[in-house]
Every structure is written in structure tokens, then in C-alpha cells.
Amino acid sequence: MAKDLEVTMLFDIYGEMLTEKQQSFITYYYDDDLSLAEIAENEGITRQGVRDAIKRAENQLYDFEAHLGLKKRFEETRNGLSEISELCEVIKEINLNTVLSREINDAVTRINTIASMLSE
């Protein structure tokens, strides 16, 4: 079971929807970097029991994403905001080289500021 960045991101989004035990196992495994054997010893269950619990939790996280799509929406929003910022720079450059409109420059600066705020 390779440690997966996607699971970590899904856990950040949907973790509260898991049981407390599932949250603990995912945290131990992904955040604390404990092995299955270490978690099993700490929890007083078998290594296989830990593995099964983590796999069930991971599957639930993927199911939440399949139904709700919050991670996908977050990534689309982040990419869109990045593109907006890039286009603002293009508009600023065109304005600087042709029109020299203060209103355009101010509007582009404001748009870029809003996009930066939203991407944080």
C-alpha cells in the first residue's frame, strides 16, 4: 500500500465524514508515517485489521469524491484562478504597449488581487 498524496488531500477535505477510528488510522499511517505493524501494536489489533481499516477508509474517501467532487472542483478553481492571473499580465502588457489606460490598469490590478485572495 503505497502512501498516496491524493488520499491525504481527500482526507483533508472529507476526513470529518469518517469515523473517529478511521480518522485515527489514516492520521497514523499518512501523517505520522507509522507502519501497519506499529499501528496494530498501538491499537491492539492485527496488522491485517489495520490494513483493512485503512483500505475501507481510503475507499470511502474516494466514494465521497466520486459523489461530491469537492477535490475536483477545488483543482478546477485553482487552475482557473491561475489562468486569470496569467491573462491579467497579458492585458497589462497590451495596455502598457498600446492604450495606456489607467482604468484598464486599475481593473486588471483589482482582478489580479481578487484572484490571489481566492487562491489562498
PDB file of N, CA and C in Angstrom:
ATOM      1  N   MET A   1       0.858  -1.162   0.000  1.00  0.00           N
ATOM      2  CA  MET A   1       0.000   0.000   0.000  1.00  0.00           C
ATOM      3  C   MET A   1       0.909   1.231   0.000  1.00  0.00           C
ATOM      4  N   ALA A   2       1.119   1.808  -1.162  1.00  0.00           N
ATOM      5  CA  ALA A   2       1.971   2.990  -1.273  1.00  0.00           C
ATOM      6  C   ALA A   2       1.240   4.198  -0.692  1.00  0.00           C
ATOM      7  N   LYS A   3       2.003   5.009   0.002  1.00  0.00           N
ATOM      8  CA  LYS A   3       1.392   6.200   0.594  1.00  0.00           C
ATOM      9  C   LYS A   3       1.087   7.186  -0.520  1.00  0.00           C
ATOM     10  N   ASP A   4      -0.118   7.694  -0.523  1.00  0.00           N
ATOM     11  CA  ASP A   4      -0.682   8.390  -1.658  1.00  0.00           C
ATOM     12  C   ASP A   4      -1.031   9.831  -1.278  1.00  0.00           C
ATOM     13  N   LEU A   5      -0.499  10.787  -2.041  1.00  0.00           N
ATOM     14  CA  LEU A   5      -0.785  12.198  -1.797  1.00  0.00           C
ATOM     15  C   LEU A   5      -2.265  12.501  -2.023  1.00  0.00           C
ATOM     16  N   GLU A   6      -2.881  11.811  -2.976  1.00  0.00           N
ATOM     17  CA  GLU A   6      -4.299  12.038  -3.243  1.00  0.00           C
ATOM     18  C   GLU A   6      -5.158  11.674  -2.031  1.00  0.00           C
ATOM     19  N   VAL A   7      -4.825  10.564  -1.367  1.00  0.00           N
ATOM     20  CA  VAL A   7      -5.570  10.169  -0.169  1.00  0.00           C
ATOM     21  C   VAL A   7      -5.442  11.256   0.903  1.00  0.00           C
ATOM     22  N   THR A   8      -4.245  11.795   1.046  1.00  0.00           N
ATOM     23  CA  THR A   8      -4.027  12.852   2.035  1.00  0.00           C
ATOM     24  C   THR A   8      -4.893  14.065   1.723  1.00  0.00           C
ATOM     25  N   MET A   9      -4.958  14.436   0.450  1.00  0.00           N
ATOM     26  CA  MET A   9      -5.783  15.581   0.065  1.00  0.00           C
ATOM     27  C   MET A   9      -7.270  15.281   0.286  1.00  0.00           C
ATOM     28  N   LEU A  10      -7.693  14.080  -0.087  1.00  0.00           N
ATOM     29  CA  LEU A  10      -9.085  13.697   0.143  1.00  0.00           C
ATOM     30  C   LEU A  10      -9.408  13.689   1.635  1.00  0.00           C
ATOM     31  N   PHE A  11      -8.454  13.236   2.436  1.00  0.00           N
ATOM     32  CA  PHE A  11      -8.657  13.219   3.884  1.00  0.00           C
ATOM     33  C   PHE A  11      -8.803  14.641   4.428  1.00  0.00           C
ATOM     34  N   ASP A  12      -8.027  15.581   3.892  1.00  0.00           N
ATOM     35  CA  ASP A  12      -8.154  16.976   4.312  1.00  0.00           C
ATOM     36  C   ASP A  12      -9.560  17.514   4.024  1.00  0.00           C
ATOM     37  N   ILE A  13     -10.136  17.069   2.924  1.00  0.00           N
ATOM     38  CA  ILE A  13     -11.458  17.560   2.518  1.00  0.00           C
ATOM     39  C   ILE A  13     -12.581  16.807   3.229  1.00  0.00           C
ATOM     40  N   TYR A  14     -12.493  15.481   3.250  1.00  0.00           N
ATOM     41  CA  TYR A  14     -13.606  14.652   3.714  1.00  0.00           C
ATOM     42  C   TYR A  14     -13.352  13.928   5.036  1.00  0.00           C
ATOM     43  N   GLY A  15     -12.225  14.141   5.660  1.00  0.00           N
ATOM     44  CA  GLY A  15     -11.849  13.386   6.850  1.00  0.00           C
ATOM     45  C   GLY A  15     -12.887  13.384   7.956  1.00  0.00           C
ATOM     46  N   GLU A  16     -13.560  14.498   8.138  1.00  0.00           N
ATOM     47  CA  GLU A  16     -14.572  14.586   9.198  1.00  0.00           C
ATOM     48  C   GLU A  16     -15.772  13.672   8.951  1.00  0.00           C
ATOM     49  N   MET A  17     -15.891  13.164   7.749  1.00  0.00           N
ATOM     50  CA  MET A  17     -17.008  12.283   7.421  1.00  0.00           C
ATOM     51  C   MET A  17     -16.692  10.821   7.773  1.00  0.00           C
ATOM     52  N   LEU A  18     -15.453  10.542   8.121  1.00  0.00           N
ATOM     53  CA  LEU A  18     -15.056   9.199   8.540  1.00  0.00           C
ATOM     54  C   LEU A  18     -15.311   9.024  10.032  1.00  0.00           C
ATOM     55  N   THR A  19     -15.313   7.770  10.481  1.00  0.00           N
ATOM     56  CA  THR A  19     -15.433   7.527  11.916  1.00  0.00           C
ATOM     57  C   THR A  19     -14.148   7.992  12.613  1.00  0.00           C
ATOM     58  N   GLU A  20     -14.217   8.161  13.908  1.00  0.00           N
ATOM     59  CA  GLU A  20     -13.029   8.580  14.662  1.00  0.00           C
ATOM     60  C   GLU A  20     -11.902   7.570  14.508  1.00  0.00           C
ATOM     61  N   LYS A  21     -12.230   6.290  14.523  1.00  0.00           N
ATOM     62  CA  LYS A  21     -11.217   5.243  14.385  1.00  0.00           C
ATOM     63  C   LYS A  21     -10.563   5.325  13.004  1.00  0.00           C
ATOM     64  N   GLN A  22     -11.366   5.495  11.967  1.00  0.00           N
ATOM     65  CA  GLN A  22     -10.818   5.625  10.620  1.00  0.00           C
ATOM     66  C   GLN A  22      -9.916   6.852  10.518  1.00  0.00           C
ATOM     67  N   GLN A  23     -10.362   7.951  11.115  1.00  0.00           N
ATOM     68  CA  GLN A  23      -9.545   9.164  11.112  1.00  0.00           C
ATOM     69  C   GLN A  23      -8.201   8.905  11.788  1.00  0.00           C
ATOM     70  N   SER A  24      -8.236   8.204  12.907  1.00  0.00           N
ATOM     71  CA  SER A  24      -7.004   7.891  13.632  1.00  0.00           C
ATOM     72  C   SER A  24      -6.062   7.052  12.782  1.00  0.00           C
ATOM     73  N   PHE A  25      -6.584   6.000  12.158  1.00  0.00           N
ATOM     74  CA  PHE A  25      -5.745   5.120  11.358  1.00  0.00           C
ATOM     75  C   PHE A  25      -5.131   5.865  10.175  1.00  0.00           C
ATOM     76  N   ILE A  26      -5.931   6.669   9.495  1.00  0.00           N
ATOM     77  CA  ILE A  26      -5.411   7.437   8.352  1.00  0.00           C
ATOM     78  C   ILE A  26      -4.343   8.424   8.839  1.00  0.00           C
ATOM     79  N   THR A  27      -4.582   9.067   9.962  1.00  0.00           N
ATOM     80  CA  THR A  27      -3.604  10.012  10.515  1.00  0.00           C
ATOM     81  C   THR A  27      -2.319   9.300  10.899  1.00  0.00           C
ATOM     82  N   TYR A  28      -2.443   8.179  11.590  1.00  0.00           N
ATOM     83  CA  TYR A  28      -1.256   7.412  11.962  1.00  0.00           C
ATOM     84  C   TYR A  28      -0.447   7.020  10.722  1.00  0.00           C
ATOM     85  N   TYR A  29      -1.139   6.529   9.729  1.00  0.00           N
ATOM     86  CA  TYR A  29      -0.463   5.967   8.556  1.00  0.00           C
ATOM     87  C   TYR A  29       0.111   7.053   7.637  1.00  0.00           C
ATOM     88  N   TYR A  30      -0.702   8.068   7.334  1.00  0.00           N
ATOM     89  CA  TYR A  30      -0.274   9.076   6.358  1.00  0.00           C
ATOM     90  C   TYR A  30       0.459  10.260   6.994  1.00  0.00           C
ATOM     91  N   ASP A  31      -0.040  10.765   8.101  1.00  0.00           N
ATOM     92  CA  ASP A  31       0.569  11.954   8.699  1.00  0.00           C
ATOM     93  C   ASP A  31       1.731  11.608   9.623  1.00  0.00           C
ATOM     94  N   ASP A  32       1.531  10.596  10.460  1.00  0.00           N
ATOM     95  CA  ASP A  32       2.570  10.226  11.424  1.00  0.00           C
ATOM     96  C   ASP A  32       3.574   9.227  10.847  1.00  0.00           C
ATOM     97  N   ASP A  33       3.278   8.715   9.649  1.00  0.00           N
ATOM     98  CA  ASP A  33       4.153   7.792   8.930  1.00  0.00           C
ATOM     99  C   ASP A  33       4.467   6.514   9.725  1.00  0.00           C
ATOM    100  N   LEU A  34       3.465   6.035  10.473  1.00  0.00           N
ATOM    101  CA  LEU A  34       3.638   4.776  11.190  1.00  0.00           C
ATOM    102  C   LEU A  34       3.389   3.604  10.238  1.00  0.00           C
ATOM    103  N   SER A  35       4.068   2.512  10.461  1.00  0.00           N
ATOM    104  CA  SER A  35       3.838   1.306   9.664  1.00  0.00           C
ATOM    105  C   SER A  35       2.555   0.629  10.129  1.00  0.00           C
ATOM    106  N   LEU A  36       2.068  -0.293   9.325  1.00  0.00           N
ATOM    107  CA  LEU A  36       0.873  -1.052   9.711  1.00  0.00           C
ATOM    108  C   LEU A  36       1.124  -1.810  11.009  1.00  0.00           C
ATOM    109  N   ALA A  37       2.316  -2.368  11.142  1.00  0.00           N
ATOM    110  CA  ALA A  37       2.659  -3.120  12.356  1.00  0.00           C
ATOM    111  C   ALA A  37       2.674  -2.198  13.580  1.00  0.00           C
ATOM    112  N   GLU A  38       3.200  -1.005  13.445  1.00  0.00           N
ATOM    113  CA  GLU A  38       3.243  -0.061  14.573  1.00  0.00           C
ATOM    114  C   GLU A  38       1.836   0.351  14.993  1.00  0.00           C
ATOM    115  N   ILE A  39       0.988   0.599  14.013  1.00  0.00           N
ATOM    116  CA  ILE A  39      -0.397   0.973  14.326  1.00  0.00           C
ATOM    117  C   ILE A  39      -1.099  -0.199  15.011  1.00  0.00           C
ATOM    118  N   ALA A  40      -0.900  -1.392  14.485  1.00  0.00           N
ATOM    119  CA  ALA A  40      -1.519  -2.592  15.058  1.00  0.00           C
ATOM    120  C   ALA A  40      -1.101  -2.765  16.510  1.00  0.00           C
ATOM    121  N   GLU A  41       0.171  -2.589  16.775  1.00  0.00           N
ATOM    122  CA  GLU A  41       0.668  -2.731  18.148  1.00  0.00           C
ATOM    123  C   GLU A  41       0.054  -1.674  19.065  1.00  0.00           C
ATOM    124  N   ASN A  42      -0.010  -0.435  18.588  1.00  0.00           N
ATOM    125  CA  ASN A  42      -0.592   0.653  19.387  1.00  0.00           C
ATOM    126  C   ASN A  42      -2.079   0.456  19.652  1.00  0.00           C
ATOM    127  N   GLU A  43      -2.774  -0.112  18.674  1.00  0.00           N
ATOM    128  CA  GLU A  43      -4.233  -0.258  18.772  1.00  0.00           C
ATOM    129  C   GLU A  43      -4.665  -1.623  19.303  1.00  0.00           C
ATOM    130  N   GLY A  44      -3.725  -2.556  19.435  1.00  0.00           N
ATOM    131  CA  GLY A  44      -4.058  -3.873  19.953  1.00  0.00           C
ATOM    132  C   GLY A  44      -4.867  -4.725  18.993  1.00  0.00           C
ATOM    133  N   ILE A  45      -4.633  -4.545  17.689  1.00  0.00           N
ATOM    134  CA  ILE A  45      -5.293  -5.374  16.688  1.00  0.00           C
ATOM    135  C   ILE A  45      -4.232  -5.924  15.742  1.00  0.00           C
ATOM    136  N   THR A  46      -4.655  -6.748  14.799  1.00  0.00           N
ATOM    137  CA  THR A  46      -3.693  -7.340  13.869  1.00  0.00           C
ATOM    138  C   THR A  46      -3.290  -6.332  12.799  1.00  0.00           C
ATOM    139  N   ARG A  47      -2.152  -6.609  12.203  1.00  0.00           N
ATOM    140  CA  ARG A  47      -1.666  -5.794  11.091  1.00  0.00           C
ATOM    141  C   ARG A  47      -2.684  -5.825   9.944  1.00  0.00           C
ATOM    142  N   GLN A  48      -3.244  -7.017   9.698  1.00  0.00           N
ATOM    143  CA  GLN A  48      -4.251  -7.160   8.639  1.00  0.00           C
ATOM    144  C   GLN A  48      -5.503  -6.338   8.956  1.00  0.00           C
ATOM    145  N   GLY A  49      -5.873  -6.300  10.238  1.00  0.00           N
ATOM    146  CA  GLY A  49      -7.025  -5.485  10.641  1.00  0.00           C
ATOM    147  C   GLY A  49      -6.792  -4.002  10.367  1.00  0.00           C
ATOM    148  N   VAL A  50      -5.579  -3.549  10.625  1.00  0.00           N
ATOM    149  CA  VAL A  50      -5.231  -2.152  10.345  1.00  0.00           C
ATOM    150  C   VAL A  50      -5.284  -1.894   8.845  1.00  0.00           C
ATOM    151  N   ARG A  51      -4.678  -2.804   8.081  1.00  0.00           N
ATOM    152  CA  ARG A  51      -4.665  -2.637   6.626  1.00  0.00           C
ATOM    153  C   ARG A  51      -6.087  -2.569   6.078  1.00  0.00           C
ATOM    154  N   ASP A  52      -6.944  -3.479   6.538  1.00  0.00           N
ATOM    155  CA  ASP A  52      -8.339  -3.487   6.075  1.00  0.00           C
ATOM    156  C   ASP A  52      -9.059  -2.192   6.437  1.00  0.00           C
ATOM    157  N   ALA A  53      -8.831  -1.719   7.651  1.00  0.00           N
ATOM    158  CA  ALA A  53      -9.487  -0.480   8.095  1.00  0.00           C
ATOM    159  C   ALA A  53      -9.020   0.711   7.259  1.00  0.00           C
ATOM    160  N   ILE A  54      -7.736   0.771   6.966  1.00  0.00           N
ATOM    161  CA  ILE A  54      -7.210   1.878   6.151  1.00  0.00           C
ATOM    162  C   ILE A  54      -7.765   1.787   4.729  1.00  0.00           C
ATOM    163  N   LYS A  55      -7.796   0.579   4.165  1.00  0.00           N
ATOM    164  CA  LYS A  55      -8.337   0.417   2.809  1.00  0.00           C
ATOM    165  C   LYS A  55      -9.815   0.818   2.749  1.00  0.00           C
ATOM    166  N   ARG A  56     -10.585   0.442   3.771  1.00  0.00           N
ATOM    167  CA  ARG A  56     -12.005   0.830   3.808  1.00  0.00           C
ATOM    168  C   ARG A  56     -12.140   2.351   3.883  1.00  0.00           C
ATOM    169  N   ALA A  57     -11.325   2.976   4.711  1.00  0.00           N
ATOM    170  CA  ALA A  57     -11.367   4.435   4.848  1.00  0.00           C
ATOM    171  C   ALA A  57     -10.972   5.105   3.527  1.00  0.00           C
ATOM    172  N   GLU A  58      -9.924   4.594   2.893  1.00  0.00           N
ATOM    173  CA  GLU A  58      -9.500   5.151   1.597  1.00  0.00           C
ATOM    174  C   GLU A  58     -10.627   5.025   0.571  1.00  0.00           C
ATOM    175  N   ASN A  59     -11.261   3.854   0.534  1.00  0.00           N
ATOM    176  CA  ASN A  59     -12.369   3.650  -0.404  1.00  0.00           C
ATOM    177  C   ASN A  59     -13.510   4.611  -0.132  1.00  0.00           C
ATOM    178  N   GLN A  60     -13.795   4.855   1.135  1.00  0.00           N
ATOM    179  CA  GLN A  60     -14.844   5.818   1.466  1.00  0.00           C
ATOM    180  C   GLN A  60     -14.471   7.218   0.996  1.00  0.00           C
ATOM    181  N   LEU A  61     -13.210   7.594   1.184  1.00  0.00           N
ATOM    182  CA  LEU A  61     -12.758   8.911   0.725  1.00  0.00           C
ATOM    183  C   LEU A  61     -12.939   9.051  -0.786  1.00  0.00           C
ATOM    184  N   TYR A  62     -12.570   8.004  -1.531  1.00  0.00           N
ATOM    185  CA  TYR A  62     -12.757   8.030  -2.990  1.00  0.00           C
ATOM    186  C   TYR A  62     -14.237   8.072  -3.361  1.00  0.00           C
ATOM    187  N   ASP A  63     -15.076   7.369  -2.596  1.00  0.00           N
ATOM    188  CA  ASP A  63     -16.517   7.410  -2.849  1.00  0.00           C
ATOM    189  C   ASP A  63     -17.085   8.799  -2.592  1.00  0.00           C
ATOM    190  N   PHE A  64     -16.653   9.434  -1.513  1.00  0.00           N
ATOM    191  CA  PHE A  64     -17.099  10.806  -1.225  1.00  0.00           C
ATOM    192  C   PHE A  64     -16.749  11.722  -2.394  1.00  0.00           C
ATOM    193  N   GLU A  65     -15.525  11.588  -2.893  1.00  0.00           N
ATOM    194  CA  GLU A  65     -15.100  12.434  -4.012  1.00  0.00           C
ATOM    195  C   GLU A  65     -15.916  12.139  -5.262  1.00  0.00           C
ATOM    196  N   ALA A  66     -16.189  10.862  -5.514  1.00  0.00           N
ATOM    197  CA  ALA A  66     -16.976  10.484  -6.692  1.00  0.00           C
ATOM    198  C   ALA A  66     -18.375  11.091  -6.638  1.00  0.00           C
ATOM    199  N   HIS A  67     -18.943  11.168  -5.453  1.00  0.00           N
ATOM    200  CA  HIS A  67     -20.295  11.703  -5.317  1.00  0.00           C
ATOM    201  C   HIS A  67     -20.339  13.218  -5.165  1.00  0.00           C
ATOM    202  N   LEU A  68     -19.380  13.789  -4.472  1.00  0.00           N
ATOM    203  CA  LEU A  68     -19.420  15.218  -4.163  1.00  0.00           C
ATOM    204  C   LEU A  68     -18.496  16.059  -5.044  1.00  0.00           C
ATOM    205  N   GLY A  69     -17.373  15.524  -5.442  1.00  0.00           N
ATOM    206  CA  GLY A  69     -16.468  16.207  -6.366  1.00  0.00           C
ATOM    207  C   GLY A  69     -15.798  17.464  -5.847  1.00  0.00           C
ATOM    208  N   LEU A  70     -15.622  17.579  -4.535  1.00  0.00           N
ATOM    209  CA  LEU A  70     -15.042  18.807  -3.981  1.00  0.00           C
ATOM    210  C   LEU A  70     -13.569  18.975  -4.339  1.00  0.00           C
ATOM    211  N   LYS A  71     -12.816  17.894  -4.362  1.00  0.00           N
ATOM    212  CA  LYS A  71     -11.395  17.981  -4.731  1.00  0.00           C
ATOM    213  C   LYS A  71     -11.257  18.418  -6.180  1.00  0.00           C
ATOM    214  N   LYS A  72     -12.060  17.817  -7.055  1.00  0.00           N
ATOM    215  CA  LYS A  72     -12.034  18.188  -8.468  1.00  0.00           C
ATOM    216  C   LYS A  72     -12.395  19.656  -8.638  1.00  0.00           C
ATOM    217  N   ARG A  73     -13.413  20.087  -7.936  1.00  0.00           N
ATOM    218  CA  ARG A  73     -13.852  21.492  -8.030  1.00  0.00           C
ATOM    219  C   ARG A  73     -12.768  22.430  -7.513  1.00  0.00           C
ATOM    220  N   PHE A  74     -12.108  22.049  -6.422  1.00  0.00           N
ATOM    221  CA  PHE A  74     -11.019  22.847  -5.871  1.00  0.00           C
ATOM    222  C   PHE A  74      -9.898  22.998  -6.898  1.00  0.00           C
ATOM    223  N   GLU A  75      -9.509  21.887  -7.519  1.00  0.00           N
ATOM    224  CA  GLU A  75      -8.435  21.923  -8.515  1.00  0.00           C
ATOM    225  C   GLU A  75      -8.820  22.762  -9.729  1.00  0.00           C
ATOM    226  N   GLU A  76     -10.063  22.645 -10.187  1.00  0.00           N
ATOM    227  CA  GLU A  76     -10.537  23.454 -11.313  1.00  0.00           C
ATOM    228  C   GLU A  76     -10.514  24.941 -10.963  1.00  0.00           C
ATOM    229  N   THR A  77     -10.937  25.256  -9.753  1.00  0.00           N
ATOM    230  CA  THR A  77     -10.941  26.651  -9.310  1.00  0.00           C
ATOM    231  C   THR A  77      -9.520  27.193  -9.226  1.00  0.00           C
ATOM    232  N   ARG A  78      -8.620  26.402  -8.634  1.00  0.00           N
ATOM    233  CA  ARG A  78      -7.219  26.819  -8.518  1.00  0.00           C
ATOM    234  C   ARG A  78      -6.610  27.054  -9.901  1.00  0.00           C
ATOM    235  N   ASN A  79      -6.854  26.149 -10.836  1.00  0.00           N
ATOM    236  CA  ASN A  79      -6.331  26.296 -12.195  1.00  0.00           C
ATOM    237  C   ASN A  79      -6.934  27.509 -12.892  1.00  0.00           C
ATOM    238  N   GLY A  80      -8.228  27.730 -12.693  1.00  0.00           N
ATOM    239  CA  GLY A  80      -8.885  28.898 -13.291  1.00  0.00           C
ATOM    240  C   GLY A  80      -8.338  30.203 -12.749  1.00  0.00           C
ATOM    241  N   LEU A  81      -8.096  30.258 -11.459  1.00  0.00           N
ATOM    242  CA  LEU A  81      -7.537  31.475 -10.856  1.00  0.00           C
ATOM    243  C   LEU A  81      -6.119  31.735 -11.356  1.00  0.00           C
ATOM    244  N   SER A  82      -5.369  30.672 -11.548  1.00  0.00           N
ATOM    245  CA  SER A  82      -4.022  30.815 -12.097  1.00  0.00           C
ATOM    246  C   SER A  82      -4.074  31.370 -13.517  1.00  0.00           C
ATOM    247  N   GLU A  83      -5.007  30.859 -14.305  1.00  0.00           N
ATOM    248  CA  GLU A  83      -5.166  31.347 -15.679  1.00  0.00           C
ATOM    249  C   GLU A  83      -5.616  32.807 -15.693  1.00  0.00           C
ATOM    250  N   ILE A  84      -6.505  33.178 -14.785  1.00  0.00           N
ATOM    251  CA  ILE A  84      -6.939  34.581 -14.684  1.00  0.00           C
ATOM    252  C   ILE A  84      -5.747  35.484 -14.398  1.00  0.00           C
ATOM    253  N   SER A  85      -4.896  35.071 -13.474  1.00  0.00           N
ATOM    254  CA  SER A  85      -3.709  35.872 -13.148  1.00  0.00           C
ATOM    255  C   SER A  85      -2.781  36.017 -14.348  1.00  0.00           C
ATOM    256  N   GLU A  86      -2.599  34.931 -15.090  1.00  0.00           N
ATOM    257  CA  GLU A  86      -1.756  34.982 -16.284  1.00  0.00           C
ATOM    258  C   GLU A  86      -2.347  35.921 -17.333  1.00  0.00           C
ATOM    259  N   LEU A  87      -3.663  35.847 -17.530  1.00  0.00           N
ATOM    260  CA  LEU A  87      -4.311  36.719 -18.504  1.00  0.00           C
ATOM    261  C   LEU A  87      -4.261  38.184 -18.077  1.00  0.00           C
ATOM    262  N   CYS A  88      -4.301  38.432 -16.782  1.00  0.00           N
ATOM    263  CA  CYS A  88      -4.157  39.808 -16.283  1.00  0.00           C
ATOM    264  C   CYS A  88      -2.811  40.387 -16.693  1.00  0.00           C
ATOM    265  N   GLU A  89      -1.781  39.575 -16.616  1.00  0.00           N
ATOM    266  CA  GLU A  89      -0.450  40.039 -17.024  1.00  0.00           C
ATOM    267  C   GLU A  89      -0.412  40.348 -18.513  1.00  0.00           C
ATOM    268  N   VAL A  90      -1.083  39.529 -19.320  1.00  0.00           N
ATOM    269  CA  VAL A  90      -1.147  39.781 -20.764  1.00  0.00           C
ATOM    270  C   VAL A  90      -1.869  41.094 -21.034  1.00  0.00           C
ATOM    271  N   ILE A  91      -3.000  41.301 -20.370  1.00  0.00           N
ATOM    272  CA  ILE A  91      -3.771  42.534 -20.559  1.00  0.00           C
ATOM    273  C   ILE A  91      -2.956  43.748 -20.117  1.00  0.00           C
ATOM    274  N   LYS A  92      -2.268  43.631 -18.990  1.00  0.00           N
ATOM    275  CA  LYS A  92      -1.416  44.737 -18.520  1.00  0.00           C
ATOM    276  C   LYS A  92      -0.354  45.091 -19.558  1.00  0.00           C
ATOM    277  N   GLU A  93       0.267  44.063 -20.117  1.00  0.00           N
ATOM    278  CA  GLU A  93       1.323  44.276 -21.116  1.00  0.00           C
ATOM    279  C   GLU A  93       0.760  44.942 -22.366  1.00  0.00           C
ATOM    280  N   ILE A  94      -0.390  44.461 -22.842  1.00  0.00           N
ATOM    281  CA  ILE A  94      -1.022  45.072 -24.026  1.00  0.00           C
ATOM    282  C   ILE A  94      -1.384  46.512 -23.726  1.00  0.00           C
ATOM    283  N   ASN A  95      -1.947  46.764 -22.564  1.00  0.00           N
ATOM    284  CA  ASN A  95      -2.314  48.129 -22.178  1.00  0.00           C
ATOM    285  C   ASN A  95      -1.085  49.027 -22.134  1.00  0.00           C
ATOM    286  N   LEU A  96      -0.013  48.526 -21.576  1.00  0.00           N
ATOM    287  CA  LEU A  96       1.223  49.302 -21.468  1.00  0.00           C
ATOM    288  C   LEU A  96       1.790  49.643 -22.840  1.00  0.00           C
ATOM    289  N   ASN A  97       1.691  48.704 -23.780  1.00  0.00           N
ATOM    290  CA  ASN A  97       2.288  48.901 -25.107  1.00  0.00           C
ATOM    291  C   ASN A  97       1.380  49.606 -26.105  1.00  0.00           C
ATOM    292  N   THR A  98       0.086  49.779 -25.775  1.00  0.00           N
ATOM    293  CA  THR A  98      -0.827  50.386 -26.758  1.00  0.00           C
ATOM    294  C   THR A  98      -1.659  51.520 -26.170  1.00  0.00           C
ATOM    295  N   VAL A  99      -2.603  51.214 -25.350  1.00  0.00           N
ATOM    296  CA  VAL A  99      -3.629  52.167 -24.932  1.00  0.00           C
ATOM    297  C   VAL A  99      -3.194  53.087 -23.799  1.00  0.00           C
ATOM    298  N   LEU A 100      -2.473  52.557 -22.849  1.00  0.00           N
ATOM    299  CA  LEU A 100      -2.072  53.281 -21.630  1.00  0.00           C
ATOM    300  C   LEU A 100      -3.268  53.819 -20.850  1.00  0.00           C
ATOM    301  N   SER A 101      -4.271  52.968 -20.658  1.00  0.00           N
ATOM    302  CA  SER A 101      -5.468  53.359 -19.917  1.00  0.00           C
ATOM    303  C   SER A 101      -5.270  53.073 -18.434  1.00  0.00           C
ATOM    304  N   ARG A 102      -5.447  54.107 -17.632  1.00  0.00           N
ATOM    305  CA  ARG A 102      -5.356  53.944 -16.181  1.00  0.00           C
ATOM    306  C   ARG A 102      -6.485  53.047 -15.669  1.00  0.00           C
ATOM    307  N   GLU A 103      -7.682  53.195 -16.264  1.00  0.00           N
ATOM    308  CA  GLU A 103      -8.830  52.395 -15.848  1.00  0.00           C
ATOM    309  C   GLU A 103      -8.582  50.906 -16.095  1.00  0.00           C
ATOM    310  N   ILE A 104      -8.028  50.584 -17.261  1.00  0.00           N
ATOM    311  CA  ILE A 104      -7.716  49.181 -17.561  1.00  0.00           C
ATOM    312  C   ILE A 104      -6.682  48.665 -16.577  1.00  0.00           C
ATOM    313  N   ASN A 105      -5.646  49.436 -16.342  1.00  0.00           N
ATOM    314  CA  ASN A 105      -4.597  49.019 -15.413  1.00  0.00           C
ATOM    315  C   ASN A 105      -5.162  48.803 -14.013  1.00  0.00           C
ATOM    316  N   ASP A 106      -5.997  49.712 -13.544  1.00  0.00           N
ATOM    317  CA  ASP A 106      -6.595  49.583 -12.217  1.00  0.00           C
ATOM    318  C   ASP A 106      -7.503  48.353 -12.128  1.00  0.00           C
ATOM    319  N   ALA A 107      -8.299  48.136 -13.183  1.00  0.00           N
ATOM    320  CA  ALA A 107      -9.213  46.982 -13.198  1.00  0.00           C
ATOM    321  C   ALA A 107      -8.425  45.669 -13.201  1.00  0.00           C
ATOM    322  N   VAL A 108      -7.379  45.613 -13.993  1.00  0.00           N
ATOM    323  CA  VAL A 108      -6.557  44.403 -14.059  1.00  0.00           C
ATOM    324  C   VAL A 108      -5.880  44.142 -12.718  1.00  0.00           C
ATOM    325  N   THR A 109      -5.383  45.194 -12.100  1.00  0.00           N
ATOM    326  CA  THR A 109      -4.750  45.055 -10.787  1.00  0.00           C
ATOM    327  C   THR A 109      -5.760  44.532  -9.769  1.00  0.00           C
ATOM    328  N   ARG A 110      -6.977  45.066  -9.798  1.00  0.00           N
ATOM    329  CA  ARG A 110      -8.026  44.621  -8.867  1.00  0.00           C
ATOM    330  C   ARG A 110      -8.394  43.151  -9.126  1.00  0.00           C
ATOM    331  N   ILE A 111      -8.557  42.782 -10.392  1.00  0.00           N
ATOM    332  CA  ILE A 111      -8.880  41.394 -10.735  1.00  0.00           C
ATOM    333  C   ILE A 111      -7.781  40.461 -10.237  1.00  0.00           C
ATOM    334  N   ASN A 112      -6.539  40.841 -10.465  1.00  0.00           N
ATOM    335  CA  ASN A 112      -5.408  40.024 -10.035  1.00  0.00           C
ATOM    336  C   ASN A 112      -5.375  39.894  -8.511  1.00  0.00           C
ATOM    337  N   THR A 113      -5.686  40.964  -7.798  1.00  0.00           N
ATOM    338  CA  THR A 113      -5.723  40.937  -6.334  1.00  0.00           C
ATOM    339  C   THR A 113      -6.801  39.981  -5.839  1.00  0.00           C
ATOM    340  N   ILE A 114      -7.980  40.049  -6.435  1.00  0.00           N
ATOM    341  CA  ILE A 114      -9.084  39.168  -6.050  1.00  0.00           C
ATOM    342  C   ILE A 114      -8.721  37.705  -6.338  1.00  0.00           C
ATOM    343  N   ALA A 115      -8.140  37.445  -7.499  1.00  0.00           N
ATOM    344  CA  ALA A 115      -7.738  36.067  -7.852  1.00  0.00           C
ATOM    345  C   ALA A 115      -6.704  35.552  -6.865  1.00  0.00           C
ATOM    346  N   SER A 116      -5.769  36.399  -6.453  1.00  0.00           N
ATOM    347  CA  SER A 116      -4.752  35.984  -5.470  1.00  0.00           C
ATOM    348  C   SER A 116      -5.385  35.679  -4.123  1.00  0.00           C
ATOM    349  N   MET A 117      -6.332  36.507  -3.699  1.00  0.00           N
ATOM    350  CA  MET A 117      -7.019  36.282  -2.422  1.00  0.00           C
ATOM    351  C   MET A 117      -7.777  34.963  -2.444  1.00  0.00           C
ATOM    352  N   LEU A 118      -8.468  34.694  -3.522  1.00  0.00           N
ATOM    353  CA  LEU A 118      -9.271  33.485  -3.630  1.00  0.00           C
ATOM    354  C   LEU A 118      -8.429  32.213  -3.716  1.00  0.00           C
ATOM    355  N   SER A 119      -7.198  32.341  -4.205  1.00  0.00           N
ATOM    356  CA  SER A 119      -6.361  31.152  -4.337  1.00  0.00           C
ATOM    357  C   SER A 119      -5.621  30.797  -3.057  1.00  0.00           C
ATOM    358  N   GLU A 120      -5.710  31.630  -2.048  1.00  0.00           N
ATOM    359  CA  GLU A 120      -5.039  31.337  -0.768  1.00  0.00           C
ATOM    360  C   GLU A 120      -5.834  30.367   0.070  1.00  0.00           C
TER     361      GLU A 120
END
